[in-house]
Amino acid sequence: MTKQVIVADIGLLMYPGCQLAAIYGLTDLFRIAGEWTGEVARVIRVSHWETGDDGVACVWDSHPDNPNKLTHIIAPPSIIMPERMTPAPVAAAWMQDQHSKGATLCSVCAGAFVLAETGLIDGRSVTTHWAFAQQLADRFPKIHLADEHMVVDDGDIITAGGILAWADLGLTLVDRLLGPATMLATARFLLIEPPRQSQRPFAQFVPKFDHGDDAVRGRQQYIHANAPTMQGVAELAEQTGMTGRTFLRRFHAATGFTPVEYLQQVRIAKAREALERSLTPVENIAWDVGYSDVAAFRKLFQKLTGMPPAAYRKQFGIAH
């Protein structure tokens, strides 16, 4: 019988509304990783912890014969939208306590909201799902958002972005605990890619129109209607009768972007859709969305999406 050596003790936190697929998926991923470590199986012990009125209790353990000495705590994604998530003070207090004993704290997607309640990520760089990033920043303004990343490994705090990024986090931990060879063998066996680096190719531009500033909303609508033909944004302030400085301040406060950044986002969103749904040459798309300098378009496209237009079409194009 193969000798087993436990190299880590990972607790998966089952808070109200968490995604059970991540709980069981991570459990299987860590078990499979242990099967690829060689003659001496270096295994990762996994336990499930559930919050209740009286605290947090272990409800399942892969190695129940020994006392838990948790080295990592993972808050998985939520199946509830962040604005509907209720505060989790019991879970937060438990995670604080485990962190004080040396545990590394991890989160996936909206699990970052539970992690943020601990106060331990104030001033730290963290990621979450791109669609929830602004809500996380609004609710916990002391954190530093790095939502362009799929995984942010900050030593004792590790956060992952997408809903299915539990696989990226799991492989990141396998790499740290069992080495890159075992991580790659696990990824190959599961037919998944090694940990991805960026969320930017998946993120969408979602404009805000419900901010209550009618003058700014009118200029947003103007940009969406005229983006391909606009020569710049100087005319926008003139249309509102504001000074350039006042318009810039109000526009950024309402939308989160400067007028130039907003115009770029609108144009690149149109370019992404064209790349996904047509076989139109990249040069033509650049012209169609408002860029006469194709090189400048390619540079901006890569800056905002994380990949060149041709690579983006190869990954996301459906026209073929």
C-alpha atoms as a PDB file:
ATOM      1  CA  MET A   1       0.000   0.000   0.000  1.00  0.00           C
ATOM      2  CA  THR A   2       1.301   3.455  -0.966  1.00  0.00           C
ATOM      3  CA  LYS A   3       2.427   5.478   2.013  1.00  0.00           C
ATOM      4  CA  GLN A   4       0.564   8.765   2.433  1.00  0.00           C
ATOM      5  CA  VAL A   5       1.994  12.026   3.721  1.00  0.00           C
ATOM      6  CA  ILE A   6      -0.432  14.877   4.405  1.00  0.00           C
ATOM      7  CA  VAL A   7       1.160  18.084   3.128  1.00  0.00           C
ATOM      8  CA  ALA A   8      -1.742  20.474   3.716  1.00  0.00           C
ATOM      9  CA  ASP A   9      -5.056  20.642   5.548  1.00  0.00           C
ATOM     10  CA  ILE A  10      -7.580  22.626   3.491  1.00  0.00           C
ATOM     11  CA  GLY A  11     -10.974  23.673   4.837  1.00  0.00           C
ATOM     12  CA  LEU A  12     -13.779  24.566   2.409  1.00  0.00           C
ATOM     13  CA  LEU A  13     -16.251  27.021   3.923  1.00  0.00           C
ATOM     14  CA  MET A  14     -19.942  26.284   3.254  1.00  0.00           C
ATOM     15  CA  TYR A  15     -21.612  29.626   3.957  1.00  0.00           C
ATOM     16  CA  PRO A  16     -25.305  30.290   3.079  1.00  0.00           C
ATOM     17  CA  GLY A  17     -25.747  30.406  -0.678  1.00  0.00           C
ATOM     18  CA  CYS A  18     -22.307  29.111  -1.603  1.00  0.00           C
ATOM     19  CA  GLN A  19     -21.812  27.143  -4.800  1.00  0.00           C
ATOM     20  CA  LEU A  20     -21.704  23.465  -3.903  1.00  0.00           C
ATOM     21  CA  ALA A  21     -20.201  22.587  -7.297  1.00  0.00           C
ATOM     22  CA  ALA A  22     -17.039  24.390  -6.190  1.00  0.00           C
ATOM     23  CA  ILE A  23     -17.001  22.564  -2.844  1.00  0.00           C
ATOM     24  CA  TYR A  24     -17.162  19.132  -4.451  1.00  0.00           C
ATOM     25  CA  GLY A  25     -15.056  20.110  -7.466  1.00  0.00           C
ATOM     26  CA  LEU A  26     -12.178  21.291  -5.288  1.00  0.00           C
ATOM     27  CA  THR A  27     -12.501  18.172  -3.142  1.00  0.00           C
ATOM     28  CA  ASP A  28     -12.093  15.976  -6.220  1.00  0.00           C
ATOM     29  CA  LEU A  29      -9.294  18.120  -7.685  1.00  0.00           C
ATOM     30  CA  PHE A  30      -7.173  17.859  -4.525  1.00  0.00           C
ATOM     31  CA  ARG A  31      -7.820  14.105  -4.255  1.00  0.00           C
ATOM     32  CA  ILE A  32      -6.787  13.560  -7.881  1.00  0.00           C
ATOM     33  CA  ALA A  33      -3.648  15.666  -7.388  1.00  0.00           C
ATOM     34  CA  GLY A  34      -2.544  13.312  -4.622  1.00  0.00           C
ATOM     35  CA  GLU A  35      -2.738  10.391  -7.045  1.00  0.00           C
ATOM     36  CA  TRP A  36      -0.109  11.966  -9.334  1.00  0.00           C
ATOM     37  CA  THR A  37       2.607  12.608  -6.751  1.00  0.00           C
ATOM     38  CA  GLY A  38       4.670   9.424  -7.097  1.00  0.00           C
ATOM     39  CA  GLU A  39       5.411   6.374  -4.960  1.00  0.00           C
ATOM     40  CA  VAL A  40       4.933   8.324  -1.736  1.00  0.00           C
ATOM     41  CA  ALA A  41       1.507   9.933  -2.060  1.00  0.00           C
ATOM     42  CA  ARG A  42       1.711  13.503  -0.798  1.00  0.00           C
ATOM     43  CA  VAL A  43      -1.965  14.112  -0.217  1.00  0.00           C
ATOM     44  CA  ILE A  44      -4.001  17.207   0.559  1.00  0.00           C
ATOM     45  CA  ARG A  45      -6.464  16.699   3.372  1.00  0.00           C
ATOM     46  CA  VAL A  46      -9.836  18.342   2.667  1.00  0.00           C
ATOM     47  CA  SER A  47     -12.618  19.126   5.104  1.00  0.00           C
ATOM     48  CA  HIS A  48     -15.977  20.863   4.716  1.00  0.00           C
ATOM     49  CA  TRP A  49     -16.999  23.478   7.289  1.00  0.00           C
ATOM     50  CA  GLU A  50     -20.528  24.807   7.684  1.00  0.00           C
ATOM     51  CA  THR A  51     -21.654  28.003   9.389  1.00  0.00           C
ATOM     52  CA  GLY A  52     -24.447  27.928  11.944  1.00  0.00           C
ATOM     53  CA  ASP A  53     -25.880  29.967  14.801  1.00  0.00           C
ATOM     54  CA  ASP A  54     -23.313  28.544  17.199  1.00  0.00           C
ATOM     55  CA  GLY A  55     -20.265  28.975  14.997  1.00  0.00           C
ATOM     56  CA  VAL A  56     -18.522  26.964  12.291  1.00  0.00           C
ATOM     57  CA  ALA A  57     -18.363  23.174  12.487  1.00  0.00           C
ATOM     58  CA  CYS A  58     -16.721  20.448  10.425  1.00  0.00           C
ATOM     59  CA  VAL A  59     -19.345  18.381   8.567  1.00  0.00           C
ATOM     60  CA  TRP A  60     -17.034  16.188   6.448  1.00  0.00           C
ATOM     61  CA  ASP A  61     -13.366  15.228   6.537  1.00  0.00           C
ATOM     62  CA  SER A  62     -11.268  13.202   4.118  1.00  0.00           C
ATOM     63  CA  HIS A  63      -9.006  12.108   7.004  1.00  0.00           C
ATOM     64  CA  PRO A  64     -11.199  12.137  10.121  1.00  0.00           C
ATOM     65  CA  ASP A  65      -8.820  10.189  12.359  1.00  0.00           C
ATOM     66  CA  ASN A  66      -6.574  13.181  13.130  1.00  0.00           C
ATOM     67  CA  PRO A  67      -7.359  16.601  14.617  1.00  0.00           C
ATOM     68  CA  ASN A  68      -7.716  19.393  12.051  1.00  0.00           C
ATOM     69  CA  LYS A  69      -4.765  21.727  11.693  1.00  0.00           C
ATOM     70  CA  LEU A  70      -6.086  23.936   8.931  1.00  0.00           C
ATOM     71  CA  THR A  71      -3.420  25.458   6.705  1.00  0.00           C
ATOM     72  CA  HIS A  72      -5.768  26.950   4.095  1.00  0.00           C
ATOM     73  CA  ILE A  73      -9.377  28.196   4.177  1.00  0.00           C
ATOM     74  CA  ILE A  74     -11.311  28.671   0.927  1.00  0.00           C
ATOM     75  CA  ALA A  75     -14.500  30.729   0.605  1.00  0.00           C
ATOM     76  CA  PRO A  76     -16.047  29.400  -2.651  1.00  0.00           C
ATOM     77  CA  PRO A  77     -18.296  31.312  -5.070  1.00  0.00           C
ATOM     78  CA  SER A  78     -21.850  32.261  -4.209  1.00  0.00           C
ATOM     79  CA  ILE A  79     -24.898  31.307  -6.267  1.00  0.00           C
ATOM     80  CA  ILE A  80     -26.555  34.464  -4.894  1.00  0.00           C
ATOM     81  CA  MET A  81     -25.835  37.837  -6.485  1.00  0.00           C
ATOM     82  CA  PRO A  82     -23.609  39.949  -4.193  1.00  0.00           C
ATOM     83  CA  GLU A  83     -26.272  42.595  -3.598  1.00  0.00           C
ATOM     84  CA  ARG A  84     -28.488  39.862  -2.099  1.00  0.00           C
ATOM     85  CA  MET A  85     -25.785  38.246   0.025  1.00  0.00           C
ATOM     86  CA  THR A  86     -26.387  38.688   3.729  1.00  0.00           C
ATOM     87  CA  PRO A  87     -23.476  39.575   6.038  1.00  0.00           C
ATOM     88  CA  ALA A  88     -21.552  36.561   7.324  1.00  0.00           C
ATOM     89  CA  PRO A  89     -20.059  37.687  10.651  1.00  0.00           C
ATOM     90  CA  VAL A  90     -19.786  34.112  11.990  1.00  0.00           C
ATOM     91  CA  ALA A  91     -17.801  32.968   8.963  1.00  0.00           C
ATOM     92  CA  ALA A  92     -15.670  36.115   9.022  1.00  0.00           C
ATOM     93  CA  ALA A  93     -14.804  35.697  12.709  1.00  0.00           C
ATOM     94  CA  TRP A  94     -13.854  32.057  12.146  1.00  0.00           C
ATOM     95  CA  MET A  95     -11.633  32.960   9.188  1.00  0.00           C
ATOM     96  CA  GLN A  96      -9.970  35.694  11.252  1.00  0.00           C
ATOM     97  CA  ASP A  97      -9.245  33.174  13.989  1.00  0.00           C
ATOM     98  CA  GLN A  98      -7.813  30.608  11.569  1.00  0.00           C
ATOM     99  CA  HIS A  99      -5.671  33.276   9.915  1.00  0.00           C
ATOM    100  CA  SER A 100      -4.248  34.261  13.307  1.00  0.00           C
ATOM    101  CA  LYS A 101      -3.194  30.629  13.718  1.00  0.00           C
ATOM    102  CA  GLY A 102      -1.322  30.652  10.416  1.00  0.00           C
ATOM    103  CA  ALA A 103      -3.918  29.614   7.835  1.00  0.00           C
ATOM    104  CA  THR A 104      -3.823  31.080   4.324  1.00  0.00           C
ATOM    105  CA  LEU A 105      -7.201  32.565   3.370  1.00  0.00           C
ATOM    106  CA  CYS A 106      -8.569  32.110  -0.150  1.00  0.00           C
ATOM    107  CA  SER A 107     -11.704  33.167  -2.007  1.00  0.00           C
ATOM    108  CA  VAL A 108     -13.304  32.541  -5.376  1.00  0.00           C
ATOM    109  CA  CYS A 109     -15.557  35.025  -7.176  1.00  0.00           C
ATOM    110  CA  ALA A 110     -18.159  36.467  -4.761  1.00  0.00           C
ATOM    111  CA  GLY A 111     -16.481  34.573  -1.927  1.00  0.00           C
ATOM    112  CA  ALA A 112     -14.328  37.714  -1.772  1.00  0.00           C
ATOM    113  CA  PHE A 113     -17.268  39.489  -0.100  1.00  0.00           C
ATOM    114  CA  VAL A 114     -17.109  36.984   2.776  1.00  0.00           C
ATOM    115  CA  LEU A 115     -13.327  37.316   2.935  1.00  0.00           C
ATOM    116  CA  ALA A 116     -13.583  41.120   2.936  1.00  0.00           C
ATOM    117  CA  GLU A 117     -15.759  41.031   6.066  1.00  0.00           C
ATOM    118  CA  THR A 118     -12.720  39.832   8.001  1.00  0.00           C
ATOM    119  CA  GLY A 119     -11.000  43.176   7.385  1.00  0.00           C
ATOM    120  CA  LEU A 120      -7.841  41.257   6.565  1.00  0.00           C
ATOM    121  CA  ILE A 121      -7.757  42.333   2.932  1.00  0.00           C
ATOM    122  CA  ASP A 122      -7.966  46.059   3.664  1.00  0.00           C
ATOM    123  CA  GLY A 123      -5.074  47.630   1.797  1.00  0.00           C
ATOM    124  CA  ARG A 124      -4.394  44.364  -0.062  1.00  0.00           C
ATOM    125  CA  SER A 125      -4.664  43.621  -3.790  1.00  0.00           C
ATOM    126  CA  VAL A 126      -7.503  41.170  -4.481  1.00  0.00           C
ATOM    127  CA  THR A 127      -9.586  39.995  -7.402  1.00  0.00           C
ATOM    128  CA  THR A 128     -13.180  38.907  -7.843  1.00  0.00           C
ATOM    129  CA  HIS A 129     -15.523  38.329 -10.784  1.00  0.00           C
ATOM    130  CA  TRP A 130     -15.280  41.310 -13.137  1.00  0.00           C
ATOM    131  CA  ALA A 131     -19.067  41.817 -12.957  1.00  0.00           C
ATOM    132  CA  PHE A 132     -18.961  42.157  -9.143  1.00  0.00           C
ATOM    133  CA  ALA A 133     -15.768  44.202  -8.844  1.00  0.00           C
ATOM    134  CA  GLN A 134     -17.406  47.609  -8.511  1.00  0.00           C
ATOM    135  CA  GLN A 135     -19.842  46.344  -5.873  1.00  0.00           C
ATOM    136  CA  LEU A 136     -16.931  44.908  -3.878  1.00  0.00           C
ATOM    137  CA  ALA A 137     -15.049  48.195  -4.126  1.00  0.00           C
ATOM    138  CA  ASP A 138     -18.102  50.211  -3.107  1.00  0.00           C
ATOM    139  CA  ARG A 139     -18.848  48.009  -0.109  1.00  0.00           C
ATOM    140  CA  PHE A 140     -15.231  47.647   1.011  1.00  0.00           C
ATOM    141  CA  PRO A 141     -13.419  50.798  -0.182  1.00  0.00           C
ATOM    142  CA  LYS A 142     -10.137  50.021   1.621  1.00  0.00           C
ATOM    143  CA  ILE A 143      -9.256  47.073  -0.628  1.00  0.00           C
ATOM    144  CA  HIS A 144      -7.205  47.420  -3.806  1.00  0.00           C
ATOM    145  CA  LEU A 145      -9.015  45.852  -6.750  1.00  0.00           C
ATOM    146  CA  ALA A 146      -6.974  43.858  -9.269  1.00  0.00           C
ATOM    147  CA  ASP A 147      -9.974  42.366 -11.066  1.00  0.00           C
ATOM    148  CA  GLU A 148      -8.109  42.106 -14.371  1.00  0.00           C
ATOM    149  CA  HIS A 149      -6.321  39.077 -12.871  1.00  0.00           C
ATOM    150  CA  MET A 150      -7.782  35.591 -12.635  1.00  0.00           C
ATOM    151  CA  VAL A 151      -5.738  34.750  -9.522  1.00  0.00           C
ATOM    152  CA  VAL A 152      -3.940  37.111  -7.153  1.00  0.00           C
ATOM    153  CA  ASP A 153      -1.504  35.280  -4.879  1.00  0.00           C
ATOM    154  CA  ASP A 154      -0.524  37.610  -2.042  1.00  0.00           C
ATOM    155  CA  GLY A 155       1.102  34.971   0.141  1.00  0.00           C
ATOM    156  CA  ASP A 156      -1.287  34.516   3.061  1.00  0.00           C
ATOM    157  CA  ILE A 157      -4.248  35.767   0.991  1.00  0.00           C
ATOM    158  CA  ILE A 158      -5.143  34.255  -2.393  1.00  0.00           C
ATOM    159  CA  THR A 159      -8.154  35.398  -4.408  1.00  0.00           C
ATOM    160  CA  ALA A 160      -9.571  34.080  -7.684  1.00  0.00           C
ATOM    161  CA  GLY A 161     -11.910  35.840 -10.062  1.00  0.00           C
ATOM    162  CA  GLY A 162     -14.441  33.930 -12.145  1.00  0.00           C
ATOM    163  CA  ILE A 163     -17.292  31.705 -11.001  1.00  0.00           C
ATOM    164  CA  LEU A 164     -15.408  28.644 -12.262  1.00  0.00           C
ATOM    165  CA  ALA A 165     -12.030  30.035 -11.191  1.00  0.00           C
ATOM    166  CA  TRP A 166     -12.098  27.559  -8.298  1.00  0.00           C
ATOM    167  CA  ALA A 167     -10.224  25.305 -10.745  1.00  0.00           C
ATOM    168  CA  ASP A 168      -7.554  27.992 -11.244  1.00  0.00           C
ATOM    169  CA  LEU A 169      -7.270  28.478  -7.487  1.00  0.00           C
ATOM    170  CA  GLY A 170      -7.136  24.728  -6.885  1.00  0.00           C
ATOM    171  CA  LEU A 171      -4.325  24.271  -9.402  1.00  0.00           C
ATOM    172  CA  THR A 172      -2.488  27.262  -7.947  1.00  0.00           C
ATOM    173  CA  LEU A 173      -2.561  25.590  -4.533  1.00  0.00           C
ATOM    174  CA  VAL A 174      -1.515  22.232  -6.002  1.00  0.00           C
ATOM    175  CA  ASP A 175       1.439  23.989  -7.637  1.00  0.00           C
ATOM    176  CA  ARG A 176       2.395  25.583  -4.302  1.00  0.00           C
ATOM    177  CA  LEU A 177       1.906  22.448  -2.194  1.00  0.00           C
ATOM    178  CA  LEU A 178       2.836  19.591  -4.525  1.00  0.00           C
ATOM    179  CA  GLY A 179       4.931  21.254  -7.202  1.00  0.00           C
ATOM    180  CA  PRO A 180       4.464  22.237 -10.851  1.00  0.00           C
ATOM    181  CA  ALA A 181       4.835  18.693 -12.216  1.00  0.00           C
ATOM    182  CA  THR A 182       1.914  17.447 -10.137  1.00  0.00           C
ATOM    183  CA  MET A 183      -0.115  20.550 -11.026  1.00  0.00           C
ATOM    184  CA  LEU A 184       0.407  19.976 -14.745  1.00  0.00           C
ATOM    185  CA  ALA A 185      -0.370  16.258 -14.445  1.00  0.00           C
ATOM    186  CA  THR A 186      -3.586  17.087 -12.586  1.00  0.00           C
ATOM    187  CA  ALA A 187      -4.606  19.660 -15.209  1.00  0.00           C
ATOM    188  CA  ARG A 188      -3.934  17.212 -18.037  1.00  0.00           C
ATOM    189  CA  PHE A 189      -5.933  14.465 -16.357  1.00  0.00           C
ATOM    190  CA  LEU A 190      -8.880  16.820 -15.769  1.00  0.00           C
ATOM    191  CA  LEU A 191      -8.579  18.225 -19.320  1.00  0.00           C
ATOM    192  CA  ILE A 192      -8.360  21.785 -18.040  1.00  0.00           C
ATOM    193  CA  GLU A 193      -5.790  24.491 -18.647  1.00  0.00           C
ATOM    194  CA  PRO A 194      -3.169  25.469 -16.062  1.00  0.00           C
ATOM    195  CA  PRO A 195      -4.129  28.528 -13.997  1.00  0.00           C
ATOM    196  CA  ARG A 196      -5.195  31.365 -16.289  1.00  0.00           C
ATOM    197  CA  GLN A 197      -3.670  34.781 -15.788  1.00  0.00           C
ATOM    198  CA  SER A 198      -6.268  37.322 -16.878  1.00  0.00           C
ATOM    199  CA  GLN A 199     -10.004  37.995 -16.801  1.00  0.00           C
ATOM    200  CA  ARG A 200      -9.771  40.765 -19.357  1.00  0.00           C
ATOM    201  CA  PRO A 201     -10.663  38.646 -22.435  1.00  0.00           C
ATOM    202  CA  PHE A 202     -13.904  37.604 -20.689  1.00  0.00           C
ATOM    203  CA  ALA A 203     -14.884  40.930 -19.130  1.00  0.00           C
ATOM    204  CA  GLN A 204     -17.600  42.984 -20.809  1.00  0.00           C
ATOM    205  CA  PHE A 205     -18.073  46.720 -20.841  1.00  0.00           C
ATOM    206  CA  VAL A 206     -21.280  47.315 -18.870  1.00  0.00           C
ATOM    207  CA  PRO A 207     -22.192  51.028 -18.991  1.00  0.00           C
ATOM    208  CA  LYS A 208     -23.965  52.617 -16.024  1.00  0.00           C
ATOM    209  CA  PHE A 209     -27.032  54.694 -16.835  1.00  0.00           C
ATOM    210  CA  ASP A 210     -28.794  54.684 -13.453  1.00  0.00           C
ATOM    211  CA  HIS A 211     -26.500  57.202 -11.746  1.00  0.00           C
ATOM    212  CA  GLY A 212     -29.040  60.047 -11.692  1.00  0.00           C
ATOM    213  CA  ASP A 213     -27.034  62.638 -13.649  1.00  0.00           C
ATOM    214  CA  ASP A 214     -29.266  63.448 -16.630  1.00  0.00           C
ATOM    215  CA  ALA A 215     -26.698  65.618 -18.389  1.00  0.00           C
ATOM    216  CA  VAL A 216     -24.048  62.896 -18.267  1.00  0.00           C
ATOM    217  CA  ARG A 217     -26.533  60.209 -19.297  1.00  0.00           C
ATOM    218  CA  GLY A 218     -27.419  62.240 -22.387  1.00  0.00           C
ATOM    219  CA  ARG A 219     -23.742  62.448 -23.385  1.00  0.00           C
ATOM    220  CA  GLN A 220     -23.337  58.708 -22.818  1.00  0.00           C
ATOM    221  CA  GLN A 221     -26.221  58.062 -25.172  1.00  0.00           C
ATOM    222  CA  TYR A 222     -24.636  60.420 -27.684  1.00  0.00           C
ATOM    223  CA  ILE A 223     -21.361  58.480 -27.516  1.00  0.00           C
ATOM    224  CA  HIS A 224     -23.108  55.130 -28.066  1.00  0.00           C
ATOM    225  CA  ALA A 225     -24.948  56.521 -31.095  1.00  0.00           C
ATOM    226  CA  ASN A 226     -21.990  58.332 -32.671  1.00  0.00           C
ATOM    227  CA  ALA A 227     -18.835  56.534 -31.481  1.00  0.00           C
ATOM    228  CA  PRO A 228     -17.548  55.546 -34.968  1.00  0.00           C
ATOM    229  CA  THR A 229     -17.663  59.115 -36.296  1.00  0.00           C
ATOM    230  CA  MET A 230     -16.627  61.166 -33.260  1.00  0.00           C
ATOM    231  CA  GLN A 231     -13.356  63.049 -33.706  1.00  0.00           C
ATOM    232  CA  GLY A 232     -12.873  63.554 -29.971  1.00  0.00           C
ATOM    233  CA  VAL A 233     -14.727  64.331 -26.777  1.00  0.00           C
ATOM    234  CA  ALA A 234     -14.238  68.097 -26.504  1.00  0.00           C
ATOM    235  CA  GLU A 235     -17.681  68.668 -28.014  1.00  0.00           C
ATOM    236  CA  LEU A 236     -19.377  66.789 -25.165  1.00  0.00           C
ATOM    237  CA  ALA A 237     -18.768  69.463 -22.540  1.00  0.00           C
ATOM    238  CA  GLU A 238     -19.930  72.154 -24.969  1.00  0.00           C
ATOM    239  CA  GLN A 239     -23.175  70.270 -25.554  1.00  0.00           C
ATOM    240  CA  THR A 240     -23.937  70.371 -21.819  1.00  0.00           C
ATOM    241  CA  GLY A 241     -22.927  73.991 -21.309  1.00  0.00           C
ATOM    242  CA  MET A 242     -20.428  72.992 -18.603  1.00  0.00           C
ATOM    243  CA  THR A 243     -16.785  73.882 -18.346  1.00  0.00           C
ATOM    244  CA  GLY A 244     -14.443  71.113 -19.409  1.00  0.00           C
ATOM    245  CA  ARG A 245     -13.251  70.526 -15.838  1.00  0.00           C
ATOM    246  CA  THR A 246     -16.779  70.342 -14.402  1.00  0.00           C
ATOM    247  CA  PHE A 247     -17.945  67.968 -17.125  1.00  0.00           C
ATOM    248  CA  LEU A 248     -14.911  65.716 -16.664  1.00  0.00           C
ATOM    249  CA  ARG A 249     -15.486  65.532 -12.905  1.00  0.00           C
ATOM    250  CA  ARG A 250     -19.198  64.760 -13.215  1.00  0.00           C
ATOM    251  CA  PHE A 251     -18.725  62.266 -16.047  1.00  0.00           C
ATOM    252  CA  HIS A 252     -16.101  60.293 -14.122  1.00  0.00           C
ATOM    253  CA  ALA A 253     -18.153  60.372 -10.924  1.00  0.00           C
ATOM    254  CA  ALA A 254     -21.198  59.006 -12.765  1.00  0.00           C
ATOM    255  CA  THR A 255     -19.617  56.403 -15.066  1.00  0.00           C
ATOM    256  CA  GLY A 256     -16.257  55.502 -13.520  1.00  0.00           C
ATOM    257  CA  PHE A 257     -14.468  56.532 -16.749  1.00  0.00           C
ATOM    258  CA  THR A 258     -13.151  59.697 -18.291  1.00  0.00           C
ATOM    259  CA  PRO A 259     -14.963  60.644 -21.542  1.00  0.00           C
ATOM    260  CA  VAL A 260     -11.969  59.438 -23.591  1.00  0.00           C
ATOM    261  CA  GLU A 261     -11.871  56.093 -21.748  1.00  0.00           C
ATOM    262  CA  TYR A 262     -15.635  55.711 -22.166  1.00  0.00           C
ATOM    263  CA  LEU A 263     -15.412  56.317 -25.924  1.00  0.00           C
ATOM    264  CA  GLN A 264     -12.614  53.757 -26.146  1.00  0.00           C
ATOM    265  CA  GLN A 265     -14.650  51.197 -24.205  1.00  0.00           C
ATOM    266  CA  VAL A 266     -17.664  51.691 -26.498  1.00  0.00           C
ATOM    267  CA  ARG A 267     -15.562  51.333 -29.643  1.00  0.00           C
ATOM    268  CA  ILE A 268     -13.682  48.267 -28.433  1.00  0.00           C
ATOM    269  CA  ALA A 269     -16.965  46.638 -27.337  1.00  0.00           C
ATOM    270  CA  LYS A 270     -18.250  47.102 -30.907  1.00  0.00           C
ATOM    271  CA  ALA A 271     -14.988  45.679 -32.263  1.00  0.00           C
ATOM    272  CA  ARG A 272     -15.224  42.639 -29.984  1.00  0.00           C
ATOM    273  CA  GLU A 273     -18.731  41.908 -31.209  1.00  0.00           C
ATOM    274  CA  ALA A 274     -17.593  42.202 -34.838  1.00  0.00           C
ATOM    275  CA  LEU A 275     -14.662  39.846 -34.204  1.00  0.00           C
ATOM    276  CA  GLU A 276     -16.947  37.338 -32.490  1.00  0.00           C
ATOM    277  CA  ARG A 277     -19.763  37.375 -35.046  1.00  0.00           C
ATOM    278  CA  SER A 278     -18.169  38.106 -38.419  1.00  0.00           C
ATOM    279  CA  LEU A 279     -15.182  37.311 -40.605  1.00  0.00           C
ATOM    280  CA  THR A 280     -14.606  40.977 -41.459  1.00  0.00           C
ATOM    281  CA  PRO A 281     -10.858  41.736 -41.658  1.00  0.00           C
ATOM    282  CA  VAL A 282      -9.394  43.413 -38.585  1.00  0.00           C
ATOM    283  CA  GLU A 283      -8.392  46.470 -40.621  1.00  0.00           C
ATOM    284  CA  ASN A 284     -11.993  47.013 -41.737  1.00  0.00           C
ATOM    285  CA  ILE A 285     -13.287  46.578 -38.186  1.00  0.00           C
ATOM    286  CA  ALA A 286     -10.838  49.212 -36.954  1.00  0.00           C
ATOM    287  CA  TRP A 287     -12.209  51.670 -39.524  1.00  0.00           C
ATOM    288  CA  ASP A 288     -15.821  50.720 -38.788  1.00  0.00           C
ATOM    289  CA  VAL A 289     -15.517  51.474 -35.059  1.00  0.00           C
ATOM    290  CA  GLY A 290     -13.697  54.784 -35.539  1.00  0.00           C
ATOM    291  CA  TYR A 291      -9.936  54.171 -35.851  1.00  0.00           C
ATOM    292  CA  SER A 292      -8.067  55.189 -38.996  1.00  0.00           C
ATOM    293  CA  ASP A 293      -4.751  54.069 -37.461  1.00  0.00           C
ATOM    294  CA  VAL A 294      -4.984  50.263 -37.403  1.00  0.00           C
ATOM    295  CA  ALA A 295      -1.785  49.908 -35.367  1.00  0.00           C
ATOM    296  CA  ALA A 296      -3.200  52.183 -32.666  1.00  0.00           C
ATOM    297  CA  PHE A 297      -6.422  50.141 -32.700  1.00  0.00           C
ATOM    298  CA  ARG A 298      -4.532  46.876 -32.218  1.00  0.00           C
ATOM    299  CA  LYS A 299      -2.540  48.367 -29.336  1.00  0.00           C
ATOM    300  CA  LEU A 300      -5.658  49.684 -27.582  1.00  0.00           C
ATOM    301  CA  PHE A 301      -7.560  46.439 -28.193  1.00  0.00           C
ATOM    302  CA  GLN A 302      -4.795  44.418 -26.534  1.00  0.00           C
ATOM    303  CA  LYS A 303      -4.589  46.883 -23.641  1.00  0.00           C
ATOM    304  CA  LEU A 304      -8.325  46.568 -22.872  1.00  0.00           C
ATOM    305  CA  THR A 305      -8.850  42.851 -23.616  1.00  0.00           C
ATOM    306  CA  GLY A 306      -5.456  41.323 -22.847  1.00  0.00           C
ATOM    307  CA  MET A 307      -4.954  39.838 -26.330  1.00  0.00           C
ATOM    308  CA  PRO A 308      -4.518  40.941 -29.959  1.00  0.00           C
ATOM    309  CA  PRO A 309      -7.630  41.077 -32.197  1.00  0.00           C
ATOM    310  CA  ALA A 310      -6.653  37.980 -34.198  1.00  0.00           C
ATOM    311  CA  ALA A 311      -6.110  35.906 -31.047  1.00  0.00           C
ATOM    312  CA  TYR A 312      -9.390  37.187 -29.623  1.00  0.00           C
ATOM    313  CA  ARG A 313     -11.258  36.086 -32.763  1.00  0.00           C
ATOM    314  CA  LYS A 314      -9.571  32.679 -32.633  1.00  0.00           C
ATOM    315  CA  GLN A 315     -10.741  32.111 -29.049  1.00  0.00           C
ATOM    316  CA  PHE A 316     -14.195  33.674 -29.140  1.00  0.00           C
ATOM    317  CA  GLY A 317     -15.228  33.854 -32.793  1.00  0.00           C
ATOM    318  CA  ILE A 318     -18.409  31.982 -33.724  1.00  0.00           C
ATOM    319  CA  ALA A 319     -18.834  33.127 -37.335  1.00  0.00           C
ATOM    320  CA  HIS A 320     -17.135  29.996 -38.701  1.00  0.00           C
END
